[in-house]
C-alpha atoms as a PDB file:
ATOM      1  CA  UNK A   1      95.172 112.208  86.448  1.00  0.00           C
ATOM      2  CA  UNK A   2      98.829 112.536  85.712  1.00  0.00           C
ATOM      3  CA  UNK A   3     101.708 113.888  88.275  1.00  0.00           C
ATOM      4  CA  UNK A   4     105.379 113.929  88.571  1.00  0.00           C
ATOM      5  CA  UNK A   5     104.743 111.868  92.019  1.00  0.00           C
ATOM      6  CA  UNK A   6     101.691 109.514  93.626  1.00  0.00           C
ATOM      7  CA  UNK A   7     102.239 109.571  97.757  1.00  0.00           C
ATOM      8  CA  UNK A   8     100.676 106.533  99.498  1.00  0.00           C
ATOM      9  CA  UNK A   9     100.328 107.340 102.846  1.00  0.00           C
ATOM     10  CA  UNK A  10      99.432 110.345 104.592  1.00  0.00           C
ATOM     11  CA  UNK A  11     101.392 110.448 107.569  1.00  0.00           C
ATOM     12  CA  UNK A  12     104.894 112.136 109.203  1.00  0.00           C
ATOM     13  CA  UNK A  13     106.573 110.301 106.040  1.00  0.00           C
ATOM     14  CA  UNK A  14     104.168 110.773 103.240  1.00  0.00           C
ATOM     15  CA  UNK A  15     103.554 114.493 104.013  1.00  0.00           C
ATOM     16  CA  UNK A  16     107.074 115.336 104.635  1.00  0.00           C
ATOM     17  CA  UNK A  17     107.606 113.760 101.004  1.00  0.00           C
ATOM     18  CA  UNK A  18     105.177 115.690  99.786  1.00  0.00           C
ATOM     19  CA  UNK A  19     106.083 118.792 101.014  1.00  0.00           C
ATOM     20  CA  UNK A  20     110.040 118.316  99.724  1.00  0.00           C
ATOM     21  CA  UNK A  21     108.703 117.497  96.059  1.00  0.00           C
ATOM     22  CA  UNK A  22     106.226 120.283  96.121  1.00  0.00           C
ATOM     23  CA  UNK A  23     109.637 122.400  96.974  1.00  0.00           C
ATOM     24  CA  UNK A  24     110.884 121.418  93.586  1.00  0.00           C
ATOM     25  CA  UNK A  25     107.896 122.495  91.993  1.00  0.00           C
ATOM     26  CA  UNK A  26     106.596 118.855  91.558  1.00  0.00           C
ATOM     27  CA  UNK A  27     103.173 118.199  90.983  1.00  0.00           C
ATOM     28  CA  UNK A  28     102.268 115.648  93.472  1.00  0.00           C
ATOM     29  CA  UNK A  29      99.073 113.778  94.870  1.00  0.00           C
ATOM     30  CA  UNK A  30      98.919 111.940  98.353  1.00  0.00           C
ATOM     31  CA  UNK A  31      96.456 109.738  98.752  1.00  0.00           C
ATOM     32  CA  UNK A  32      95.639 108.840 102.600  1.00  0.00           C
ATOM     33  CA  UNK A  33      93.272 106.249 104.008  1.00  0.00           C
ATOM     34  CA  UNK A  34      93.499 108.355 106.921  1.00  0.00           C
ATOM     35  CA  UNK A  35      94.337 105.036 108.665  1.00  0.00           C
ATOM     36  CA  UNK A  36      97.780 106.113 110.916  1.00  0.00           C
ATOM     37  CA  UNK A  37      99.236 103.594 113.061  1.00  0.00           C
ATOM     38  CA  UNK A  38      99.548 106.455 115.980  1.00  0.00           C
ATOM     39  CA  UNK A  39      95.430 107.486 115.449  1.00  0.00           C
ATOM     40  CA  UNK A  40      94.244 106.577 118.556  1.00  0.00           C
ATOM     41  CA  UNK A  41      97.153 108.380 120.372  1.00  0.00           C
ATOM     42  CA  UNK A  42      96.580 111.387 122.696  1.00  0.00           C
ATOM     43  CA  UNK A  43      99.927 112.482 122.110  1.00  0.00           C
ATOM     44  CA  UNK A  44     102.696 111.825 120.227  1.00  0.00           C
ATOM     45  CA  UNK A  45     106.626 112.814 121.280  1.00  0.00           C
ATOM     46  CA  UNK A  46     110.243 113.592 120.456  1.00  0.00           C
ATOM     47  CA  UNK A  47     109.808 115.651 117.570  1.00  0.00           C
ATOM     48  CA  UNK A  48     111.695 118.980 118.126  1.00  0.00           C
ATOM     49  CA  UNK A  49     109.794 122.186 119.164  1.00  0.00           C
ATOM     50  CA  UNK A  50     106.357 119.957 119.168  1.00  0.00           C
ATOM     51  CA  UNK A  51     107.060 117.423 121.859  1.00  0.00           C
ATOM     52  CA  UNK A  52     103.568 115.909 123.652  1.00  0.00           C
ATOM     53  CA  UNK A  53     101.227 117.308 120.933  1.00  0.00           C
ATOM     54  CA  UNK A  54      97.989 115.634 119.363  1.00  0.00           C
ATOM     55  CA  UNK A  55      99.826 113.397 116.553  1.00  0.00           C
ATOM     56  CA  UNK A  56      96.787 114.502 114.681  1.00  0.00           C
ATOM     57  CA  UNK A  57      96.575 118.033 114.772  1.00  0.00           C
ATOM     58  CA  UNK A  58     100.002 117.748 113.417  1.00  0.00           C
ATOM     59  CA  UNK A  59      99.146 115.939 110.365  1.00  0.00           C
ATOM     60  CA  UNK A  60      96.050 118.493 110.502  1.00  0.00           C
ATOM     61  CA  UNK A  61      98.864 121.665 110.266  1.00  0.00           C
ATOM     62  CA  UNK A  62     100.806 119.815 108.093  1.00  0.00           C
ATOM     63  CA  UNK A  63      98.445 119.336 105.436  1.00  0.00           C
ATOM     64  CA  UNK A  64      97.849 122.787 105.760  1.00  0.00           C
ATOM     65  CA  UNK A  65     101.281 123.703 105.544  1.00  0.00           C
ATOM     66  CA  UNK A  66     101.108 121.996 102.183  1.00  0.00           C
ATOM     67  CA  UNK A  67      98.322 123.862 101.163  1.00  0.00           C
ATOM     68  CA  UNK A  68     100.555 126.720 100.637  1.00  0.00           C
ATOM     69  CA  UNK A  69     102.010 124.732  97.706  1.00  0.00           C
ATOM     70  CA  UNK A  70     100.449 125.009  94.298  1.00  0.00           C
ATOM     71  CA  UNK A  71     101.563 121.451  93.327  1.00  0.00           C
ATOM     72  CA  UNK A  72     100.466 119.313  95.760  1.00  0.00           C
ATOM     73  CA  UNK A  73      96.640 118.132  95.824  1.00  0.00           C
ATOM     74  CA  UNK A  74      95.258 115.184  98.035  1.00  0.00           C
ATOM     75  CA  UNK A  75      92.701 112.405  98.176  1.00  0.00           C
ATOM     76  CA  UNK A  76      91.667 110.570 100.697  1.00  0.00           C
ATOM     77  CA  UNK A  77      90.914 106.850  99.875  1.00  0.00           C
ATOM     78  CA  UNK A  78      92.377 103.648  99.870  1.00  0.00           C
ATOM     79  CA  UNK A  79      94.922 102.821  96.967  1.00  0.00           C
ATOM     80  CA  UNK A  80      94.609  99.471  96.305  1.00  0.00           C
ATOM     81  CA  UNK A  81      96.120  98.572  92.883  1.00  0.00           C
ATOM     82  CA  UNK A  82      99.141  99.501  91.226  1.00  0.00           C
ATOM     83  CA  UNK A  83     100.993  98.417  88.095  1.00  0.00           C
ATOM     84  CA  UNK A  84     103.392  99.893  85.745  1.00  0.00           C
ATOM     85  CA  UNK A  85     102.171 100.689  81.888  1.00  0.00           C
ATOM     86  CA  UNK A  86     103.607 100.729  78.669  1.00  0.00           C
ATOM     87  CA  UNK A  87     105.536 103.617  79.304  1.00  0.00           C
ATOM     88  CA  UNK A  88     107.229 102.706  82.681  1.00  0.00           C
ATOM     89  CA  UNK A  89     104.587 104.701  84.733  1.00  0.00           C
ATOM     90  CA  UNK A  90     103.011 104.081  88.081  1.00  0.00           C
ATOM     91  CA  UNK A  91      99.110 103.588  87.617  1.00  0.00           C
ATOM     92  CA  UNK A  92      97.786 103.440  91.322  1.00  0.00           C
ATOM     93  CA  UNK A  93      93.717 102.707  91.731  1.00  0.00           C
ATOM     94  CA  UNK A  94      92.036 104.302  94.445  1.00  0.00           C
ATOM     95  CA  UNK A  95      88.601 103.111  95.977  1.00  0.00           C
ATOM     96  CA  UNK A  96      86.901 100.458  93.344  1.00  0.00           C
ATOM     97  CA  UNK A  97      87.304 102.514  89.494  1.00  0.00           C
ATOM     98  CA  UNK A  98      89.401 105.502  89.726  1.00  0.00           C
ATOM     99  CA  UNK A  99      92.706 105.447  88.650  1.00  0.00           C
ATOM    100  CA  UNK A 100      95.995 107.920  89.023  1.00  0.00           C
ATOM    101  CA  UNK A 101      99.285 108.136  87.071  1.00  0.00           C
ATOM    102  CA  UNK A 102     102.512 109.108  89.047  1.00  0.00           C
ATOM    103  CA  UNK A 103     105.983 109.082  87.101  1.00  0.00           C
ATOM    104  CA  UNK A 104     107.234 108.826  90.105  1.00  0.00           C
ATOM    105  CA  UNK A 105     105.873 106.653  93.346  1.00  0.00           C
ATOM    106  CA  UNK A 106     106.610 106.733  97.195  1.00  0.00           C
ATOM    107  CA  UNK A 107     105.231 104.118  99.410  1.00  0.00           C
ATOM    108  CA  UNK A 108     104.683 105.389 103.088  1.00  0.00           C
ATOM    109  CA  UNK A 109     102.087 102.964 104.168  1.00  0.00           C
ATOM    110  CA  UNK A 110     103.173 102.334 107.709  1.00  0.00           C
ATOM    111  CA  UNK A 111     102.350  99.244 109.419  1.00  0.00           C
ATOM    112  CA  UNK A 112      99.402  97.152 111.007  1.00  0.00           C
ATOM    113  CA  UNK A 113      99.395  96.188 114.699  1.00  0.00           C
ATOM    114  CA  UNK A 114      98.090  92.991 116.397  1.00  0.00           C
ATOM    115  CA  UNK A 115      96.009  94.151 119.420  1.00  0.00           C
ATOM    116  CA  UNK A 116      95.273  91.719 122.007  1.00  0.00           C
ATOM    117  CA  UNK A 117      91.783  90.555 122.474  1.00  0.00           C
ATOM    118  CA  UNK A 118      90.780  92.765 126.054  1.00  0.00           C
ATOM    119  CA  UNK A 119      87.875  94.356 127.579  1.00  0.00           C
ATOM    120  CA  UNK A 120      88.705  98.271 128.028  1.00  0.00           C
ATOM    121  CA  UNK A 121      91.931  97.527 125.242  1.00  0.00           C
ATOM    122  CA  UNK A 122      90.444 100.590 122.880  1.00  0.00           C
ATOM    123  CA  UNK A 123      89.020 102.978 125.850  1.00  0.00           C
ATOM    124  CA  UNK A 124      92.892 102.885 127.397  1.00  0.00           C
ATOM    125  CA  UNK A 125      95.018 102.840 124.053  1.00  0.00           C
ATOM    126  CA  UNK A 126      96.932 105.496 123.652  1.00  0.00           C
ATOM    127  CA  UNK A 127      96.440 107.457 126.960  1.00  0.00           C
ATOM    128  CA  UNK A 128      97.711 103.968 128.835  1.00  0.00           C
ATOM    129  CA  UNK A 129      98.408 101.524 126.526  1.00  0.00           C
ATOM    130  CA  UNK A 130     100.827 101.549 124.208  1.00  0.00           C
ATOM    131  CA  UNK A 131     102.745  99.583 121.436  1.00  0.00           C
ATOM    132  CA  UNK A 132     105.875 101.352 121.799  1.00  0.00           C
ATOM    133  CA  UNK A 133     108.462 101.372 124.556  1.00  0.00           C
ATOM    134  CA  UNK A 134     110.777 104.270 123.096  1.00  0.00           C
ATOM    135  CA  UNK A 135     108.072 106.301 122.341  1.00  0.00           C
ATOM    136  CA  UNK A 136     106.007 105.848 125.577  1.00  0.00           C
ATOM    137  CA  UNK A 137     108.302 104.335 128.046  1.00  0.00           C
ATOM    138  CA  UNK A 138     109.153 108.341 129.814  1.00  0.00           C
ATOM    139  CA  UNK A 139     105.522 108.130 130.794  1.00  0.00           C
ATOM    140  CA  UNK A 140     105.851 105.424 132.861  1.00  0.00           C
ATOM    141  CA  UNK A 141     108.506 105.915 134.837  1.00  0.00           C
ATOM    142  CA  UNK A 142     108.332 104.947 138.728  1.00  0.00           C
ATOM    143  CA  UNK A 143     104.810 102.944 137.493  1.00  0.00           C
ATOM    144  CA  UNK A 144     103.866  99.257 137.638  1.00  0.00           C
ATOM    145  CA  UNK A 145     103.392  97.963 134.414  1.00  0.00           C
ATOM    146  CA  UNK A 146     102.236  94.954 132.879  1.00  0.00           C
ATOM    147  CA  UNK A 147     103.527  93.673 128.910  1.00  0.00           C
ATOM    148  CA  UNK A 148     101.062  91.754 127.198  1.00  0.00           C
ATOM    149  CA  UNK A 149     102.804  89.043 124.499  1.00  0.00           C
ATOM    150  CA  UNK A 150     104.583  85.965 124.280  1.00  0.00           C
ATOM    151  CA  UNK A 151     106.907  86.027 121.142  1.00  0.00           C
ATOM    152  CA  UNK A 152     110.265  85.433 121.609  1.00  0.00           C
ATOM    153  CA  UNK A 153     111.096  89.283 121.355  1.00  0.00           C
ATOM    154  CA  UNK A 154     109.180  89.776 124.486  1.00  0.00           C
ATOM    155  CA  UNK A 155     111.855  88.729 126.761  1.00  0.00           C
ATOM    156  CA  UNK A 156     114.234  92.024 125.488  1.00  0.00           C
ATOM    157  CA  UNK A 157     111.110  94.100 124.958  1.00  0.00           C
ATOM    158  CA  UNK A 158     110.407  93.844 129.253  1.00  0.00           C
ATOM    159  CA  UNK A 159     114.210  94.138 129.945  1.00  0.00           C
ATOM    160  CA  UNK A 160     114.654  97.193 128.048  1.00  0.00           C
ATOM    161  CA  UNK A 161     111.234  99.152 129.957  1.00  0.00           C
ATOM    162  CA  UNK A 162     113.589  98.458 133.148  1.00  0.00           C
ATOM    163  CA  UNK A 163     114.696 102.009 131.890  1.00  0.00           C
ATOM    164  CA  UNK A 164     111.463 103.226 133.213  1.00  0.00           C
ATOM    165  CA  UNK A 165     109.203 100.652 134.778  1.00  0.00           C
ATOM    166  CA  UNK A 166     109.361 100.022 139.083  1.00  0.00           C
ATOM    167  CA  UNK A 167     107.859  96.928 138.204  1.00  0.00           C
ATOM    168  CA  UNK A 168     106.898  95.143 135.094  1.00  0.00           C
ATOM    169  CA  UNK A 169     104.479  91.780 134.969  1.00  0.00           C
ATOM    170  CA  UNK A 170     104.149  89.816 131.880  1.00  0.00           C
ATOM    171  CA  UNK A 171     101.124  88.132 130.987  1.00  0.00           C
ATOM    172  CA  UNK A 172     100.999  85.649 128.022  1.00  0.00           C
ATOM    173  CA  UNK A 173      97.116  85.558 127.155  1.00  0.00           C
ATOM    174  CA  UNK A 174      97.254  81.969 128.157  1.00  0.00           C
ATOM    175  CA  UNK A 175     100.209  81.034 125.239  1.00  0.00           C
ATOM    176  CA  UNK A 176     103.244  79.250 126.537  1.00  0.00           C
ATOM    177  CA  UNK A 177     106.641  81.761 126.631  1.00  0.00           C
ATOM    178  CA  UNK A 178     107.896  81.490 123.856  1.00  0.00           C
ATOM    179  CA  UNK A 179     111.879  81.259 123.560  1.00  0.00           C
ATOM    180  CA  UNK A 180     113.072  78.618 125.656  1.00  0.00           C
ATOM    181  CA  UNK A 181     113.891  78.400 129.541  1.00  0.00           C
ATOM    182  CA  UNK A 182     116.827  80.663 129.172  1.00  0.00           C
ATOM    183  CA  UNK A 183     114.229  83.534 128.400  1.00  0.00           C
ATOM    184  CA  UNK A 184     112.152  82.971 131.649  1.00  0.00           C
ATOM    185  CA  UNK A 185     115.625  82.454 133.451  1.00  0.00           C
ATOM    186  CA  UNK A 186     116.378  86.177 132.342  1.00  0.00           C
ATOM    187  CA  UNK A 187     113.152  87.791 133.220  1.00  0.00           C
ATOM    188  CA  UNK A 188     113.290  86.520 136.685  1.00  0.00           C
ATOM    189  CA  UNK A 189     116.497  87.302 136.993  1.00  0.00           C
ATOM    190  CA  UNK A 190     115.722  90.653 136.752  1.00  0.00           C
ATOM    191  CA  UNK A 191     112.581  90.670 138.789  1.00  0.00           C
ATOM    192  CA  UNK A 192     109.850  90.915 136.065  1.00  0.00           C
ATOM    193  CA  UNK A 193     107.171  88.244 136.370  1.00  0.00           C
ATOM    194  CA  UNK A 194     105.650  85.901 134.133  1.00  0.00           C
ATOM    195  CA  UNK A 195     101.980  84.884 134.498  1.00  0.00           C
ATOM    196  CA  UNK A 196     101.185  82.321 131.978  1.00  0.00           C
ATOM    197  CA  UNK A 197      97.115  83.185 131.573  1.00  0.00           C
ATOM    198  CA  UNK A 198      94.597  85.525 130.337  1.00  0.00           C
ATOM    199  CA  UNK A 199      93.982  89.092 130.899  1.00  0.00           C
ATOM    200  CA  UNK A 200      90.091  89.441 130.793  1.00  0.00           C
ATOM    201  CA  UNK A 201      89.941  93.438 130.962  1.00  0.00           C
ATOM    202  CA  UNK A 202      91.919  96.536 131.737  1.00  0.00           C
ATOM    203  CA  UNK A 203      90.465  98.573 134.938  1.00  0.00           C
ATOM    204  CA  UNK A 204      89.265 102.228 135.512  1.00  0.00           C
ATOM    205  CA  UNK A 205      89.245 105.148 132.992  1.00  0.00           C
ATOM    206  CA  UNK A 206      90.522 106.659 129.964  1.00  0.00           C
ATOM    207  CA  UNK A 207      93.445 108.243 131.539  1.00  0.00           C
ATOM    208  CA  UNK A 208      93.691 107.021 134.746  1.00  0.00           C
ATOM    209  CA  UNK A 209      94.112 102.804 134.679  1.00  0.00           C
ATOM    210  CA  UNK A 210      93.962 101.072 137.461  1.00  0.00           C
ATOM    211  CA  UNK A 211      95.227  97.519 136.883  1.00  0.00           C
ATOM    212  CA  UNK A 212      94.427  94.714 134.400  1.00  0.00           C
ATOM    213  CA  UNK A 213      92.072  91.565 135.414  1.00  0.00           C
ATOM    214  CA  UNK A 214      93.100  87.891 134.985  1.00  0.00           C
ATOM    215  CA  UNK A 215      90.164  85.351 134.047  1.00  0.00           C
ATOM    216  CA  UNK A 216      91.101  83.762 137.053  1.00  0.00           C
ATOM    217  CA  UNK A 217      89.617  86.894 138.463  1.00  0.00           C
ATOM    218  CA  UNK A 218      93.110  88.115 140.085  1.00  0.00           C
ATOM    219  CA  UNK A 219      93.807  91.757 139.722  1.00  0.00           C
ATOM    220  CA  UNK A 220      97.563  93.169 138.615  1.00  0.00           C
ATOM    221  CA  UNK A 221      98.337  96.974 139.780  1.00  0.00           C
ATOM    222  CA  UNK A 222      99.375  98.653 136.440  1.00  0.00           C
ATOM    223  CA  UNK A 223      99.581 102.359 135.528  1.00  0.00           C
ATOM    224  CA  UNK A 224     100.604 101.620 132.314  1.00  0.00           C
ATOM    225  CA  UNK A 225     100.358  98.572 129.936  1.00  0.00           C
ATOM    226  CA  UNK A 226     102.452  97.689 126.776  1.00  0.00           C
ATOM    227  CA  UNK A 227     101.915  95.663 124.020  1.00  0.00           C
ATOM    228  CA  UNK A 228     104.082  93.262 121.625  1.00  0.00           C
ATOM    229  CA  UNK A 229     102.400  90.798 119.975  1.00  0.00           C
ATOM    230  CA  UNK A 230     102.616  91.261 116.336  1.00  0.00           C
ATOM    231  CA  UNK A 231     103.204  94.283 113.425  1.00  0.00           C
ATOM    232  CA  UNK A 232     102.956  93.852 109.630  1.00  0.00           C
ATOM    233  CA  UNK A 233     104.443  96.213 107.325  1.00  0.00           C
ATOM    234  CA  UNK A 234     101.691  97.685 104.911  1.00  0.00           C
ATOM    235  CA  UNK A 235     103.532  95.606 101.916  1.00  0.00           C
ATOM    236  CA  UNK A 236     100.434  94.831  99.136  1.00  0.00           C
ATOM    237  CA  UNK A 237     101.374  97.555  97.295  1.00  0.00           C
ATOM    238  CA  UNK A 238     105.151  96.990  96.869  1.00  0.00           C
ATOM    239  CA  UNK A 239     104.720  93.068  96.320  1.00  0.00           C
ATOM    240  CA  UNK A 240     102.211  93.658  93.252  1.00  0.00           C
ATOM    241  CA  UNK A 241     105.223  95.641  91.984  1.00  0.00           C
ATOM    242  CA  UNK A 242     108.019  93.607  93.380  1.00  0.00           C
ATOM    243  CA  UNK A 243     109.728  95.362  95.259  1.00  0.00           C
ATOM    244  CA  UNK A 244     112.690  94.002  97.142  1.00  0.00           C
ATOM    245  CA  UNK A 245     111.452  93.012 100.649  1.00  0.00           C
ATOM    246  CA  UNK A 246     113.836  92.071 103.659  1.00  0.00           C
ATOM    247  CA  UNK A 247     114.009  88.978 106.021  1.00  0.00           C
ATOM    248  CA  UNK A 248     111.926  91.001 108.816  1.00  0.00           C
ATOM    249  CA  UNK A 249     109.495  92.315 106.188  1.00  0.00           C
ATOM    250  CA  UNK A 250     110.487  95.841 105.578  1.00  0.00           C
ATOM    251  CA  UNK A 251     111.147  97.205 101.972  1.00  0.00           C
ATOM    252  CA  UNK A 252     114.621  97.320 101.450  1.00  0.00           C
ATOM    253  CA  UNK A 253     115.192 100.720 100.553  1.00  0.00           C
ATOM    254  CA  UNK A 254     118.990 102.838  99.846  1.00  0.00           C
ATOM    255  CA  UNK A 255     119.609 106.124 102.299  1.00  0.00           C
ATOM    256  CA  UNK A 256     117.262 108.121 100.204  1.00  0.00           C
ATOM    257  CA  UNK A 257     114.556 105.392 100.007  1.00  0.00           C
ATOM    258  CA  UNK A 258     115.173 104.060  95.947  1.00  0.00           C
ATOM    259  CA  UNK A 259     113.413 100.546  96.482  1.00  0.00           C
ATOM    260  CA  UNK A 260     114.539  97.747  94.327  1.00  0.00           C
ATOM    261  CA  UNK A 261     111.911  98.828  91.192  1.00  0.00           C
ATOM    262  CA  UNK A 262     112.974 102.433  89.205  1.00  0.00           C
ATOM    263  CA  UNK A 263     111.444 104.840  90.318  1.00  0.00           C
ATOM    264  CA  UNK A 264     109.196 103.587  93.440  1.00  0.00           C
ATOM    265  CA  UNK A 265     110.552 104.895  97.009  1.00  0.00           C
ATOM    266  CA  UNK A 266     109.111 104.701  99.875  1.00  0.00           C
ATOM    267  CA  UNK A 267     109.428 106.019 103.800  1.00  0.00           C
ATOM    268  CA  UNK A 268     108.915 105.309 107.552  1.00  0.00           C
ATOM    269  CA  UNK A 269     107.676 103.066 109.270  1.00  0.00           C
ATOM    270  CA  UNK A 270     107.441 100.698 106.253  1.00  0.00           C
ATOM    271  CA  UNK A 271     111.240 100.419 105.946  1.00  0.00           C
ATOM    272  CA  UNK A 272     113.815  99.078 108.194  1.00  0.00           C
ATOM    273  CA  UNK A 273     115.199 101.290 111.462  1.00  0.00           C
ATOM    274  CA  UNK A 274     113.101 103.459 114.292  1.00  0.00           C
ATOM    275  CA  UNK A 275     109.811 103.627 113.933  1.00  0.00           C
ATOM    276  CA  UNK A 276     109.674 106.950 115.459  1.00  0.00           C
ATOM    277  CA  UNK A 277     107.528 110.731 114.336  1.00  0.00           C
ATOM    278  CA  UNK A 278     111.192 112.575 113.652  1.00  0.00           C
ATOM    279  CA  UNK A 279     112.628 109.239 111.993  1.00  0.00           C
ATOM    280  CA  UNK A 280     109.345 108.837 109.309  1.00  0.00           C
ATOM    281  CA  UNK A 281     109.647 112.753 109.014  1.00  0.00           C
ATOM    282  CA  UNK A 282     113.266 112.619 108.392  1.00  0.00           C
ATOM    283  CA  UNK A 283     112.999 109.544 105.509  1.00  0.00           C
ATOM    284  CA  UNK A 284     110.149 111.295 103.837  1.00  0.00           C
ATOM    285  CA  UNK A 285     112.213 114.308 103.389  1.00  0.00           C
ATOM    286  CA  UNK A 286     115.239 112.033 102.235  1.00  0.00           C
ATOM    287  CA  UNK A 287     112.752 110.112  99.628  1.00  0.00           C
ATOM    288  CA  UNK A 288     110.915 113.611  98.346  1.00  0.00           C
ATOM    289  CA  UNK A 289     114.099 115.136  97.363  1.00  0.00           C
ATOM    290  CA  UNK A 290     115.485 112.149  96.201  1.00  0.00           C
ATOM    291  CA  UNK A 291     112.195 111.390  93.511  1.00  0.00           C
ATOM    292  CA  UNK A 292     111.644 115.196  92.701  1.00  0.00           C
ATOM    293  CA  UNK A 293     115.549 115.271  91.527  1.00  0.00           C
ATOM    294  CA  UNK A 294     115.253 111.460  89.393  1.00  0.00           C
ATOM    295  CA  UNK A 295     113.046 113.732  87.351  1.00  0.00           C
ATOM    296  CA  UNK A 296     115.588 116.260  86.560  1.00  0.00           C
ATOM    297  CA  UNK A 297     116.133 116.136  82.525  1.00  0.00           C
ATOM    298  CA  UNK A 298     112.910 114.235  82.316  1.00  0.00           C
ATOM    299  CA  UNK A 299     109.906 116.003  80.923  1.00  0.00           C
ATOM    300  CA  UNK A 300     107.386 116.202  83.983  1.00  0.00           C
ATOM    301  CA  UNK A 301     103.453 115.966  84.396  1.00  0.00           C
ATOM    302  CA  UNK A 302     101.947 118.484  81.853  1.00  0.00           C
ATOM    303  CA  UNK A 303     100.891 120.414  84.428  1.00  0.00           C
ATOM    304  CA  UNK A 304     104.791 120.877  86.212  1.00  0.00           C
ATOM    305  CA  UNK A 305     107.181 123.078  85.110  1.00  0.00           C
ATOM    306  CA  UNK A 306     110.185 122.077  82.766  1.00  0.00           C
ATOM    307  CA  UNK A 307     112.478 120.037  85.431  1.00  0.00           C
ATOM    308  CA  UNK A 308     115.952 120.860  85.307  1.00  0.00           C
ATOM    309  CA  UNK A 309     118.587 119.440  83.147  1.00  0.00           C
ATOM    310  CA  UNK A 310     120.142 116.036  84.648  1.00  0.00           C
ATOM    311  CA  UNK A 311     123.995 117.191  84.776  1.00  0.00           C
ATOM    312  CA  UNK A 312     125.562 113.959  85.275  1.00  0.00           C
ATOM    313  CA  UNK A 313     123.741 112.836  82.317  1.00  0.00           C
ATOM    314  CA  UNK A 314     124.861 115.537  80.176  1.00  0.00           C
ATOM    315  CA  UNK A 315     128.265 114.906  81.128  1.00  0.00           C
ATOM    316  CA  UNK A 316     128.366 111.453  80.550  1.00  0.00           C
ATOM    317  CA  UNK A 317     127.558 112.509  77.089  1.00  0.00           C
ATOM    318  CA  UNK A 318     130.171 115.094  76.945  1.00  0.00           C
ATOM    319  CA  UNK A 319     132.752 112.195  77.577  1.00  0.00           C
ATOM    320  CA  UNK A 320     130.938 110.018  74.991  1.00  0.00           C
ATOM    321  CA  UNK A 321     131.286 112.470  72.490  1.00  0.00           C
ATOM    322  CA  UNK A 322     135.000 113.528  73.646  1.00  0.00           C
ATOM    323  CA  UNK A 323     137.248 112.769  70.821  1.00  0.00           C
ATOM    324  CA  UNK A 324     140.269 110.850  72.284  1.00  0.00           C
ATOM    325  CA  UNK A 325     143.304 112.514  71.690  1.00  0.00           C
ATOM    326  CA  UNK A 326     146.023 111.594  68.969  1.00  0.00           C
ATOM    327  CA  UNK A 327     148.760 109.041  70.498  1.00  0.00           C
ATOM    328  CA  UNK A 328     152.390 110.243  67.922  1.00  0.00           C
ATOM    329  CA  UNK A 329     153.990 106.902  67.369  1.00  0.00           C
ATOM    330  CA  UNK A 330     157.617 106.247  67.339  1.00  0.00           C
ATOM    331  CA  UNK A 331     159.302 106.537  64.254  1.00  0.00           C
END
């Protein structure tokens, strides 16, 4: 099957890109493995008119809206490989055998978090345990908070949570706190306790976290837990194409989501910037529009309508063929 564009990732960024591409009447295939980063969360925040909404319900409703556009199709599965054929098209392998072709490719593959190894983690993850202070710090206002992590970035992460938390304790999971003595001094100077021990269990039922038990048997009072260990953008397909990656491990894109590979776009958490649902929606919209407009003047997929001409290309061609004015030479 040949499409104007294949979008890998069915989260907020990928679905937003699909909608805007569809509004340009481009044929779109969304390949989705249903492994969105926030799939464990009870609610997501900050999306205008839909604050405190069920994130999976948001995606279901977005898919239903997209079904109104006859040029959008969905394929469940994991996109494992991508290559360019001799005509410059993107050939995406879905699963072990099936291949689909896109004249353009949009990567909205997101990131993968590294989780703490602690009893009861998934019982509380998405209800009282979170990875994003910006997304969920407001709900922790006035509560005691435990942060699980030990990296150099943890000091800034913990101090940022003072916007909301009543007390903060950093538990380093048995690792030494990284960043040098200045980081520990900074934390203690702001009243943040550091425990270089292991957290063994989260106590209480989902939605009502009671505390964190340490391997020593001590219990830290906590209404919320945040963890900041590591997260990795899903770059397998991008690296197969040779897309440029930043020092932070994100895909390098321009303001419209263009990567360093012609015809390949990216949106969402796999690109630099705030990792928020409304930001992902906006980045997806930009990439979808830019990818659709890049097809102007180019014959699209056979099932697609004839695209509009490319005015910039036509103007450039006219300028190349204009006869320069004759100069009058002095006698």
